[in-house]
């Protein structure tokens, strides 16, 4: 059994784990901005980076769970997400949940993707 782990910036956590052809990752914006559009763009850029490091891209996304600090931000998040995710062939199964997030985070995305073949 091979498990590849990419360390995160916080001890005890990996930002990416690859196992059995699947990529598990998490992304936040790492920004103090109070603008959901800005934090969403930054979060998705980190997600792109993580997927690339693990050998895949957004077309390999299978599932995404989006955590928002305030569900009133969902329309703003969705507008950015729809532009980023592209055509129907890229759409993962996705859930959006309201949650108390750390610090000034407005959005956090936990995703599972298939490794590119």
C-alpha atoms as a PDB file:
ATOM      1  CA  UNK A   1       0.000   0.000   0.000  1.00  0.00           C
ATOM      2  CA  UNK A   2       1.454   3.333  -1.073  1.00  0.00           C
ATOM      3  CA  UNK A   3       0.242   6.572   0.448  1.00  0.00           C
ATOM      4  CA  UNK A   4       1.825   9.821  -0.676  1.00  0.00           C
ATOM      5  CA  UNK A   5       1.456  12.729   1.765  1.00  0.00           C
ATOM      6  CA  UNK A   6       2.189  16.397   1.066  1.00  0.00           C
ATOM      7  CA  UNK A   7       2.769  18.226   4.375  1.00  0.00           C
ATOM      8  CA  UNK A   8       0.725  21.282   5.191  1.00  0.00           C
ATOM      9  CA  UNK A   9       1.790  24.397   7.049  1.00  0.00           C
ATOM     10  CA  UNK A  10       0.239  23.153  10.305  1.00  0.00           C
ATOM     11  CA  UNK A  11       1.780  20.196  12.172  1.00  0.00           C
ATOM     12  CA  UNK A  12      -0.346  17.048  12.167  1.00  0.00           C
ATOM     13  CA  UNK A  13      -2.054  17.704   8.832  1.00  0.00           C
ATOM     14  CA  UNK A  14      -1.412  17.029   5.165  1.00  0.00           C
ATOM     15  CA  UNK A  15      -2.728  19.419   2.533  1.00  0.00           C
ATOM     16  CA  UNK A  16      -2.751  16.605  -0.050  1.00  0.00           C
ATOM     17  CA  UNK A  17      -2.885  12.823   0.276  1.00  0.00           C
ATOM     18  CA  UNK A  18      -2.723  10.510  -2.746  1.00  0.00           C
ATOM     19  CA  UNK A  19      -3.762   6.866  -2.469  1.00  0.00           C
ATOM     20  CA  UNK A  20      -5.107   4.225  -4.824  1.00  0.00           C
ATOM     21  CA  UNK A  21      -5.589   6.645  -7.732  1.00  0.00           C
ATOM     22  CA  UNK A  22      -7.390   9.280  -5.664  1.00  0.00           C
ATOM     23  CA  UNK A  23      -6.304  12.725  -4.487  1.00  0.00           C
ATOM     24  CA  UNK A  24      -7.656  14.118  -1.222  1.00  0.00           C
ATOM     25  CA  UNK A  25      -7.014  17.803  -0.650  1.00  0.00           C
ATOM     26  CA  UNK A  26      -8.168  20.910   1.176  1.00  0.00           C
ATOM     27  CA  UNK A  27      -7.777  24.591   0.308  1.00  0.00           C
ATOM     28  CA  UNK A  28      -8.434  27.909   2.001  1.00  0.00           C
ATOM     29  CA  UNK A  29      -7.724  31.439   0.819  1.00  0.00           C
ATOM     30  CA  UNK A  30      -5.099  32.362   3.443  1.00  0.00           C
ATOM     31  CA  UNK A  31      -6.349  35.948   3.248  1.00  0.00           C
ATOM     32  CA  UNK A  32      -7.723  38.521   5.671  1.00  0.00           C
ATOM     33  CA  UNK A  33      -9.983  39.924   2.949  1.00  0.00           C
ATOM     34  CA  UNK A  34     -13.662  40.213   3.847  1.00  0.00           C
ATOM     35  CA  UNK A  35     -14.601  39.844   0.150  1.00  0.00           C
ATOM     36  CA  UNK A  36     -16.047  36.406  -0.664  1.00  0.00           C
ATOM     37  CA  UNK A  37     -15.172  36.775  -4.365  1.00  0.00           C
ATOM     38  CA  UNK A  38     -11.505  37.444  -3.583  1.00  0.00           C
ATOM     39  CA  UNK A  39     -11.275  34.616  -1.045  1.00  0.00           C
ATOM     40  CA  UNK A  40     -13.046  32.243  -3.443  1.00  0.00           C
ATOM     41  CA  UNK A  41     -10.626  33.042  -6.279  1.00  0.00           C
ATOM     42  CA  UNK A  42      -7.621  32.536  -3.971  1.00  0.00           C
ATOM     43  CA  UNK A  43      -9.046  29.300  -2.564  1.00  0.00           C
ATOM     44  CA  UNK A  44      -9.666  27.906  -6.055  1.00  0.00           C
ATOM     45  CA  UNK A  45      -6.146  28.915  -7.131  1.00  0.00           C
ATOM     46  CA  UNK A  46      -4.747  26.897  -4.202  1.00  0.00           C
ATOM     47  CA  UNK A  47      -7.011  23.997  -5.139  1.00  0.00           C
ATOM     48  CA  UNK A  48      -5.656  24.144  -8.712  1.00  0.00           C
ATOM     49  CA  UNK A  49      -2.099  24.158  -7.336  1.00  0.00           C
ATOM     50  CA  UNK A  50      -2.751  21.178  -5.058  1.00  0.00           C
ATOM     51  CA  UNK A  51      -4.383  19.165  -7.825  1.00  0.00           C
ATOM     52  CA  UNK A  52      -1.481  19.916 -10.175  1.00  0.00           C
ATOM     53  CA  UNK A  53       1.078  18.863  -7.535  1.00  0.00           C
ATOM     54  CA  UNK A  54      -0.780  15.578  -7.140  1.00  0.00           C
ATOM     55  CA  UNK A  55      -0.854  14.877 -10.884  1.00  0.00           C
ATOM     56  CA  UNK A  56      -4.367  15.914 -11.846  1.00  0.00           C
ATOM     57  CA  UNK A  57      -6.506  18.996 -12.440  1.00  0.00           C
ATOM     58  CA  UNK A  58     -10.047  20.242 -11.912  1.00  0.00           C
ATOM     59  CA  UNK A  59     -11.360  17.955 -14.682  1.00  0.00           C
ATOM     60  CA  UNK A  60     -10.534  15.045 -12.341  1.00  0.00           C
ATOM     61  CA  UNK A  61     -12.647  16.352  -9.456  1.00  0.00           C
ATOM     62  CA  UNK A  62     -15.107  13.765  -8.175  1.00  0.00           C
ATOM     63  CA  UNK A  63     -16.408  15.449  -5.038  1.00  0.00           C
ATOM     64  CA  UNK A  64     -16.133  18.839  -3.353  1.00  0.00           C
ATOM     65  CA  UNK A  65     -17.459  19.973   0.002  1.00  0.00           C
ATOM     66  CA  UNK A  66     -17.553  23.744   0.343  1.00  0.00           C
ATOM     67  CA  UNK A  67     -17.645  25.281   3.804  1.00  0.00           C
ATOM     68  CA  UNK A  68     -18.816  28.884   4.027  1.00  0.00           C
ATOM     69  CA  UNK A  69     -18.586  31.016   7.153  1.00  0.00           C
ATOM     70  CA  UNK A  70     -21.921  32.594   6.202  1.00  0.00           C
ATOM     71  CA  UNK A  71     -24.435  30.978   3.838  1.00  0.00           C
ATOM     72  CA  UNK A  72     -25.398  34.437   2.561  1.00  0.00           C
ATOM     73  CA  UNK A  73     -22.043  34.261   0.688  1.00  0.00           C
ATOM     74  CA  UNK A  74     -23.235  31.296  -1.399  1.00  0.00           C
ATOM     75  CA  UNK A  75     -24.425  33.299  -4.451  1.00  0.00           C
ATOM     76  CA  UNK A  76     -21.066  35.136  -4.592  1.00  0.00           C
ATOM     77  CA  UNK A  77     -19.172  31.869  -4.209  1.00  0.00           C
ATOM     78  CA  UNK A  78     -21.315  30.100  -6.827  1.00  0.00           C
ATOM     79  CA  UNK A  79     -20.691  32.814  -9.437  1.00  0.00           C
ATOM     80  CA  UNK A  80     -16.912  32.376  -9.149  1.00  0.00           C
ATOM     81  CA  UNK A  81     -17.174  28.557  -8.891  1.00  0.00           C
ATOM     82  CA  UNK A  82     -19.238  28.266 -12.097  1.00  0.00           C
ATOM     83  CA  UNK A  83     -16.661  30.234 -14.095  1.00  0.00           C
ATOM     84  CA  UNK A  84     -13.800  28.218 -12.577  1.00  0.00           C
ATOM     85  CA  UNK A  85     -15.230  24.697 -12.912  1.00  0.00           C
ATOM     86  CA  UNK A  86     -16.100  25.052 -16.587  1.00  0.00           C
ATOM     87  CA  UNK A  87     -18.345  22.764 -18.597  1.00  0.00           C
ATOM     88  CA  UNK A  88     -20.635  20.021 -17.405  1.00  0.00           C
ATOM     89  CA  UNK A  89     -17.940  17.405 -18.062  1.00  0.00           C
ATOM     90  CA  UNK A  90     -15.971  18.853 -15.086  1.00  0.00           C
ATOM     91  CA  UNK A  91     -18.803  19.074 -12.561  1.00  0.00           C
ATOM     92  CA  UNK A  92     -18.103  17.085  -9.393  1.00  0.00           C
ATOM     93  CA  UNK A  93     -20.662  16.054  -6.838  1.00  0.00           C
ATOM     94  CA  UNK A  94     -20.722  19.131  -4.581  1.00  0.00           C
ATOM     95  CA  UNK A  95     -22.183  20.100  -1.221  1.00  0.00           C
ATOM     96  CA  UNK A  96     -22.141  23.522   0.414  1.00  0.00           C
ATOM     97  CA  UNK A  97     -22.303  23.812   4.199  1.00  0.00           C
ATOM     98  CA  UNK A  98     -22.381  26.720   6.619  1.00  0.00           C
ATOM     99  CA  UNK A  99     -19.633  26.383   9.241  1.00  0.00           C
ATOM    100  CA  UNK A 100     -17.620  28.366  11.727  1.00  0.00           C
ATOM    101  CA  UNK A 101     -14.197  28.617  10.065  1.00  0.00           C
ATOM    102  CA  UNK A 102     -10.836  29.486  11.602  1.00  0.00           C
ATOM    103  CA  UNK A 103      -9.559  33.053  11.702  1.00  0.00           C
ATOM    104  CA  UNK A 104     -10.788  35.263   8.893  1.00  0.00           C
ATOM    105  CA  UNK A 105     -11.506  32.395   6.461  1.00  0.00           C
ATOM    106  CA  UNK A 106     -14.768  32.825   4.578  1.00  0.00           C
ATOM    107  CA  UNK A 107     -14.448  29.652   2.484  1.00  0.00           C
ATOM    108  CA  UNK A 108     -12.746  26.261   2.707  1.00  0.00           C
ATOM    109  CA  UNK A 109     -12.975  23.482   0.123  1.00  0.00           C
ATOM    110  CA  UNK A 110     -12.335  19.792   0.755  1.00  0.00           C
ATOM    111  CA  UNK A 111     -12.049  17.818  -2.484  1.00  0.00           C
ATOM    112  CA  UNK A 112     -11.491  14.338  -3.869  1.00  0.00           C
ATOM    113  CA  UNK A 113     -10.171  13.900  -7.402  1.00  0.00           C
ATOM    114  CA  UNK A 114      -9.018  11.097  -9.655  1.00  0.00           C
ATOM    115  CA  UNK A 115      -5.325  11.071 -10.537  1.00  0.00           C
ATOM    116  CA  UNK A 116      -4.887  11.807 -14.250  1.00  0.00           C
ATOM    117  CA  UNK A 117      -4.169   8.656 -16.262  1.00  0.00           C
END
